[in-house]
Amino acid sequence: MSEPSHRVPPDAAALQAPLARLLRPLVRLFVRCGITFPALTDLLRELYVNVAEYDFALPGKDQTDSRVSLLTGIHRKEVRRLRGAGAPVSAVPAAVSRTSRIIARWVAAPEFTETDGRPRPLPRAAESGPSFESLVASVTRDLRPRAVLDEWLDRGLVTLDADERIVLAEAAFVPSGGGSQQLYYFGRNLHDHIAASVANILEEKPRFLERAVHYDGLSPALARRLEARAREIAMEALQQANREAHAACETDPGGEARWNFGIYIYTEDAPRPVPPAPESGAP
């Protein structure tokens, strides 16, 4: 496979405005969570050194403190102190891995879904046919299905219907509350979205699909209605992609590659721009 061709990157000054817009919601999160500006600069300093050390190394040559300092603008003494930490590793918390694998199978495998593709309500156990016990056992033998069920009931990922069947809740698809699962996907999904956008800017031809449908100047009622409809469309697309990926994985030999298909929806009540007041007293 040939290496992708690269275009001349945009001028640093041209990135100022989009970068400020991109970072604004993150800065709001930082301030709300107590991440101060000095703490953020310490993190950025480490990341600059790490990226320069590992992502900008020249083939066949050892990366030097001087070159990292030149690339980052960070003093060589600081570079020497910060180097060698290793490339950042995005470890998947065990709870995230096991939960996502079980839910992915529940919403994709034919034996656990209805004819319309919705996940079936499952009995706790059954002598024949699908059950919650058989679902968990089909993914891992290291966990007791009862322990998984108790955890999921506590977190609101499942509920019990009138027949005591286990029903997958929408909360299973949208982790919330600022816990480890939500924070993991916060980092993973934003990383992948930004990485796709950056690749499209730097490469000669955009490699990744990254599109959005957007309308401004809407009434709040229409914005909410479009948000609700977009949520329905998005869930249908995600479930279809999951079913096809799950089926394809059955015969895939496995490897080191990964794939992410994500969708986002956003609405806000943006204030209309106020036109400048006419000058008074002008001749």
Protein backbone atom coordinates (compact mmCIF):
# COMPACT_ATOMS: atom_id res chain seq x y z
CA MET A 1 0.00 0.00 0.00
CA SER A 2 1.44 3.38 -0.97
CA GLU A 3 1.98 6.05 1.65
CA PRO A 4 -0.66 8.81 1.65
CA SER A 5 0.44 12.02 -0.02
CA HIS A 6 0.43 15.14 2.14
CA ARG A 7 -0.53 18.69 1.38
CA VAL A 8 1.08 21.81 2.82
CA PRO A 9 -0.45 22.28 6.29
CA PRO A 10 -2.45 25.45 6.90
CA ASP A 11 -0.69 28.48 8.30
CA ALA A 12 -0.62 28.59 12.09
CA ALA A 13 -2.46 31.92 12.11
CA ALA A 14 -5.31 30.41 10.09
CA LEU A 15 -5.81 27.78 12.82
CA GLN A 16 -6.33 30.32 15.61
CA ALA A 17 -10.06 30.93 15.12
CA PRO A 18 -11.16 27.28 14.58
CA LEU A 19 -8.87 26.17 17.40
CA ALA A 20 -10.42 28.68 19.80
CA ARG A 21 -13.89 27.43 18.86
CA LEU A 22 -12.83 23.80 19.28
CA LEU A 23 -11.24 24.39 22.67
CA ARG A 24 -13.95 26.60 24.18
CA PRO A 25 -16.22 23.75 25.40
CA LEU A 26 -13.16 21.89 26.68
CA VAL A 27 -12.02 24.96 28.64
CA ARG A 28 -15.53 25.20 30.09
CA LEU A 29 -15.16 21.58 31.25
CA PHE A 30 -11.67 22.24 32.65
CA VAL A 31 -12.82 25.23 34.70
CA ARG A 32 -15.90 23.36 35.94
CA CYS A 33 -13.80 20.35 37.00
CA GLY A 34 -10.97 22.33 38.58
CA ILE A 35 -8.28 21.82 35.94
CA THR A 36 -6.39 25.10 36.26
CA PHE A 37 -4.41 26.79 33.51
CA PRO A 38 -1.02 25.86 35.10
CA ALA A 39 -2.15 22.22 35.35
CA LEU A 40 -3.21 22.27 31.70
CA THR A 41 0.09 23.77 30.57
CA ASP A 42 1.95 21.00 32.41
CA LEU A 43 -0.12 18.41 30.56
CA LEU A 44 0.35 20.15 27.20
CA ARG A 45 4.10 20.38 27.78
CA GLU A 46 4.27 16.61 28.34
CA LEU A 47 2.11 15.95 25.27
CA TYR A 48 4.16 18.25 23.03
CA VAL A 49 7.36 16.42 23.99
CA ASN A 50 5.69 13.02 23.61
CA VAL A 51 4.25 13.78 20.17
CA ALA A 52 7.49 15.26 18.90
CA GLU A 53 9.48 12.31 20.25
CA TYR A 54 7.32 9.53 18.83
CA ASP A 55 5.31 11.00 15.92
CA PHE A 56 8.03 13.15 14.33
CA ALA A 57 11.04 10.86 14.62
CA LEU A 58 13.08 10.62 11.43
CA PRO A 59 13.37 7.11 9.93
CA GLY A 60 16.62 5.42 10.92
CA LYS A 61 17.69 8.22 13.28
CA ASP A 62 17.49 8.63 17.01
CA GLN A 63 15.35 11.54 18.10
CA THR A 64 17.48 14.11 19.92
CA ASP A 65 16.64 16.55 22.69
CA SER A 66 17.68 19.40 20.40
CA ARG A 67 15.27 18.38 17.65
CA VAL A 68 12.39 17.88 20.09
CA SER A 69 13.18 21.30 21.53
CA LEU A 70 13.21 22.81 18.03
CA LEU A 71 9.88 21.21 17.11
CA THR A 72 8.10 22.16 20.32
CA GLY A 73 9.73 25.38 21.49
CA ILE A 74 10.31 23.78 24.91
CA HIS A 75 13.71 24.24 26.55
CA ARG A 76 16.10 21.30 26.20
CA LYS A 77 16.35 20.85 29.98
CA GLU A 78 12.57 20.36 30.14
CA VAL A 79 12.67 18.09 27.10
CA ARG A 80 15.33 15.92 28.73
CA ARG A 81 13.25 15.68 31.91
CA LEU A 82 10.05 14.74 30.11
CA ARG A 83 11.33 12.39 27.43
CA GLY A 84 11.13 8.61 27.62
CA ALA A 85 7.74 8.39 29.25
CA GLY A 86 6.49 6.25 26.36
CA ALA A 87 3.71 6.86 23.91
CA PRO A 88 0.32 7.45 25.56
CA VAL A 89 -1.70 4.26 25.92
CA SER A 90 -5.49 4.40 25.92
CA ALA A 91 -6.25 1.47 28.19
CA VAL A 92 -9.83 0.24 28.11
CA PRO A 93 -11.25 -0.11 31.64
CA ALA A 94 -12.31 -3.70 32.27
CA ALA A 95 -15.90 -2.69 33.00
CA VAL A 96 -16.10 -0.77 29.72
CA SER A 97 -14.72 -3.67 27.70
CA ARG A 98 -16.97 -6.34 29.13
CA THR A 99 -20.11 -4.17 29.10
CA SER A 100 -19.65 -3.00 25.52
CA ARG A 101 -18.96 -6.56 24.29
CA ILE A 102 -22.08 -8.00 25.92
CA ILE A 103 -24.32 -5.15 24.76
CA ALA A 104 -22.88 -5.29 21.23
CA ARG A 105 -23.81 -8.97 21.03
CA TRP A 106 -27.28 -8.36 22.50
CA VAL A 107 -28.13 -5.81 19.80
CA ALA A 108 -26.46 -7.65 16.91
CA ALA A 109 -26.67 -11.45 17.20
CA PRO A 110 -29.84 -12.80 15.54
CA GLU A 111 -30.68 -15.08 18.47
CA PHE A 112 -30.84 -12.10 20.84
CA THR A 113 -32.75 -9.66 18.59
CA GLU A 114 -36.31 -9.34 17.33
CA THR A 115 -37.16 -9.51 13.62
CA ASP A 116 -37.07 -5.69 13.47
CA GLY A 117 -33.56 -5.64 14.94
CA ARG A 118 -34.46 -4.48 18.46
CA PRO A 119 -32.78 -6.32 21.36
CA ARG A 120 -35.08 -9.00 22.81
CA PRO A 121 -36.27 -8.92 26.41
CA LEU A 122 -34.48 -11.89 27.92
CA PRO A 123 -35.44 -14.26 30.73
CA ARG A 124 -32.79 -14.65 33.39
CA ALA A 125 -32.29 -18.30 32.46
CA ALA A 126 -33.87 -20.80 30.08
CA GLU A 127 -33.43 -24.50 29.42
CA SER A 128 -33.57 -23.76 25.69
CA GLY A 129 -33.52 -20.57 23.71
CA PRO A 130 -31.84 -17.25 24.45
CA SER A 131 -31.52 -15.93 27.99
CA PHE A 132 -29.46 -13.38 29.86
CA GLU A 133 -27.30 -16.18 31.22
CA SER A 134 -26.62 -17.54 27.74
CA LEU A 135 -25.88 -14.00 26.49
CA VAL A 136 -23.22 -13.36 29.13
CA ALA A 137 -21.79 -16.87 28.72
CA SER A 138 -21.49 -16.37 24.95
CA VAL A 139 -19.11 -13.45 25.58
CA THR A 140 -17.19 -14.48 28.71
CA ARG A 141 -17.01 -17.38 31.15
CA ASP A 142 -15.14 -15.29 33.71
CA LEU A 143 -18.23 -13.48 35.04
CA ARG A 144 -21.30 -14.75 36.82
CA PRO A 145 -24.42 -13.60 34.92
CA ARG A 146 -26.12 -12.75 38.23
CA ALA A 147 -23.27 -10.40 39.14
CA VAL A 148 -23.51 -8.70 35.74
CA LEU A 149 -27.28 -8.37 36.10
CA ASP A 150 -27.05 -6.84 39.58
CA GLU A 151 -24.45 -4.33 38.37
CA TRP A 152 -26.50 -3.38 35.30
CA LEU A 153 -29.70 -2.99 37.30
CA ASP A 154 -27.87 -0.70 39.73
CA ARG A 155 -26.50 1.41 36.87
CA GLY A 156 -29.83 1.55 35.01
CA LEU A 157 -28.54 -0.28 31.94
CA VAL A 158 -31.39 -2.80 32.16
CA THR A 159 -34.85 -2.96 33.72
CA LEU A 160 -37.27 -5.77 34.50
CA ASP A 161 -40.63 -5.91 32.74
CA ALA A 162 -43.91 -7.29 34.13
CA ASP A 163 -42.83 -10.84 33.19
CA GLU A 164 -39.49 -10.45 35.01
CA ARG A 165 -37.66 -10.40 31.69
CA ILE A 166 -34.52 -8.29 31.39
CA VAL A 167 -34.93 -5.30 29.06
CA LEU A 168 -32.01 -3.32 27.67
CA ALA A 169 -32.43 0.38 28.48
CA GLU A 170 -31.39 3.31 26.33
CA ALA A 171 -28.90 4.22 29.08
CA ALA A 172 -26.86 1.21 27.94
CA PHE A 173 -26.01 3.09 24.74
CA VAL A 174 -25.30 6.45 26.39
CA PRO A 175 -23.10 6.19 29.51
CA SER A 176 -23.65 9.20 31.77
CA GLY A 177 -22.84 10.71 35.12
CA GLY A 178 -19.15 11.42 34.52
CA GLY A 179 -18.13 7.88 35.48
CA SER A 180 -15.22 5.90 34.08
CA GLN A 181 -17.22 4.61 31.12
CA GLN A 182 -18.42 8.01 29.99
CA LEU A 183 -14.97 9.56 30.44
CA TYR A 184 -13.36 6.72 28.49
CA TYR A 185 -15.67 7.26 25.51
CA PHE A 186 -15.31 11.03 25.86
CA GLY A 187 -11.58 10.65 25.21
CA ARG A 188 -11.88 7.90 22.62
CA ASN A 189 -14.65 9.39 20.49
CA LEU A 190 -13.35 12.96 20.51
CA HIS A 191 -9.86 11.67 19.70
CA ASP A 192 -11.11 9.71 16.71
CA HIS A 193 -13.29 12.55 15.40
CA ILE A 194 -10.45 15.07 15.69
CA ALA A 195 -7.90 12.59 14.28
CA ALA A 196 -10.12 12.03 11.23
CA SER A 197 -10.49 15.78 10.70
CA VAL A 198 -6.74 16.39 11.09
CA ALA A 199 -5.93 13.60 8.62
CA ASN A 200 -8.33 15.14 6.10
CA ILE A 201 -6.61 18.52 6.48
CA LEU A 202 -3.06 17.19 6.17
CA GLU A 203 -3.49 14.58 3.44
CA GLU A 204 -3.81 15.46 -0.23
CA LYS A 205 -7.23 13.83 -0.53
CA PRO A 206 -9.62 13.56 2.43
CA ARG A 207 -9.44 9.97 3.66
CA PHE A 208 -12.27 9.83 6.17
CA LEU A 209 -15.95 10.60 5.86
CA GLU A 210 -16.62 13.57 8.13
CA ARG A 211 -19.79 15.43 7.29
CA ALA A 212 -22.61 17.22 9.07
CA VAL A 213 -26.08 18.55 8.20
CA HIS A 214 -26.63 21.91 9.86
CA TYR A 215 -29.25 24.66 9.83
CA ASP A 216 -29.11 27.99 11.65
CA GLY A 217 -31.84 30.46 12.51
CA LEU A 218 -34.37 27.81 13.60
CA SER A 219 -37.09 28.10 16.21
CA PRO A 220 -36.27 26.21 19.44
CA ALA A 221 -39.29 23.95 18.81
CA LEU A 222 -38.06 22.91 15.37
CA ALA A 223 -34.53 22.38 16.67
CA ARG A 224 -35.85 20.02 19.35
CA ARG A 225 -38.00 18.16 16.81
CA LEU A 226 -35.05 17.73 14.43
CA GLU A 227 -32.89 16.57 17.34
CA ALA A 228 -35.41 13.88 18.26
CA ARG A 229 -35.72 12.68 14.65
CA ALA A 230 -31.95 12.72 14.17
CA ARG A 231 -31.61 10.55 17.30
CA GLU A 232 -33.94 7.95 15.75
CA ILE A 233 -32.02 7.97 12.45
CA ALA A 234 -28.67 7.77 14.28
CA MET A 235 -29.70 4.80 16.43
CA GLU A 236 -30.94 2.93 13.35
CA ALA A 237 -27.63 3.54 11.59
CA LEU A 238 -25.55 2.54 14.62
CA GLN A 239 -27.50 -0.67 15.16
CA GLN A 240 -27.24 -1.61 11.48
CA ALA A 241 -23.49 -0.95 11.46
CA ASN A 242 -23.10 -3.00 14.65
CA ARG A 243 -25.04 -5.95 13.22
CA GLU A 244 -22.93 -6.02 10.05
CA ALA A 245 -19.65 -5.61 11.94
CA HIS A 246 -20.62 -8.32 14.44
CA ALA A 247 -21.45 -10.75 11.62
CA ALA A 248 -18.21 -9.95 9.76
CA CYS A 249 -16.13 -10.52 12.92
CA GLU A 250 -17.35 -14.13 13.08
CA THR A 251 -15.04 -15.06 10.15
CA ASP A 252 -12.33 -12.40 10.59
CA PRO A 253 -8.87 -13.78 11.52
CA GLY A 254 -8.23 -10.79 13.80
CA GLY A 255 -5.34 -8.34 13.92
CA GLU A 256 -4.19 -4.98 15.26
CA ALA A 257 -6.56 -2.69 13.32
CA ARG A 258 -9.55 -0.95 14.85
CA TRP A 259 -12.63 0.77 13.40
CA ASN A 260 -14.95 3.38 14.87
CA PHE A 261 -18.25 4.60 13.43
CA GLY A 262 -19.63 7.51 15.42
CA ILE A 263 -22.47 10.00 15.18
CA TYR A 264 -23.05 13.20 17.10
CA ILE A 265 -26.06 15.52 17.38
CA TYR A 266 -25.93 19.00 18.85
CA THR A 267 -28.41 21.85 19.24
CA GLU A 268 -28.20 25.13 21.11
CA ASP A 269 -30.20 28.30 21.53
CA ALA A 270 -27.67 30.61 19.96
CA PRO A 271 -28.41 34.31 20.40
CA ARG A 272 -28.97 36.27 17.21
CA PRO A 273 -26.11 38.67 16.38
CA VAL A 274 -26.95 42.20 17.43
CA PRO A 275 -26.40 44.71 14.62
CA PRO A 276 -24.12 47.62 15.55
CA ALA A 277 -25.96 50.72 16.69
CA PRO A 278 -25.88 53.61 14.19
CA GLU A 279 -23.42 56.32 15.03
CA SER A 280 -25.03 59.41 16.48
CA GLY A 281 -23.95 62.98 16.10
CA ALA A 282 -21.99 62.26 12.93
CA PRO A 283 -21.99 65.11 10.44
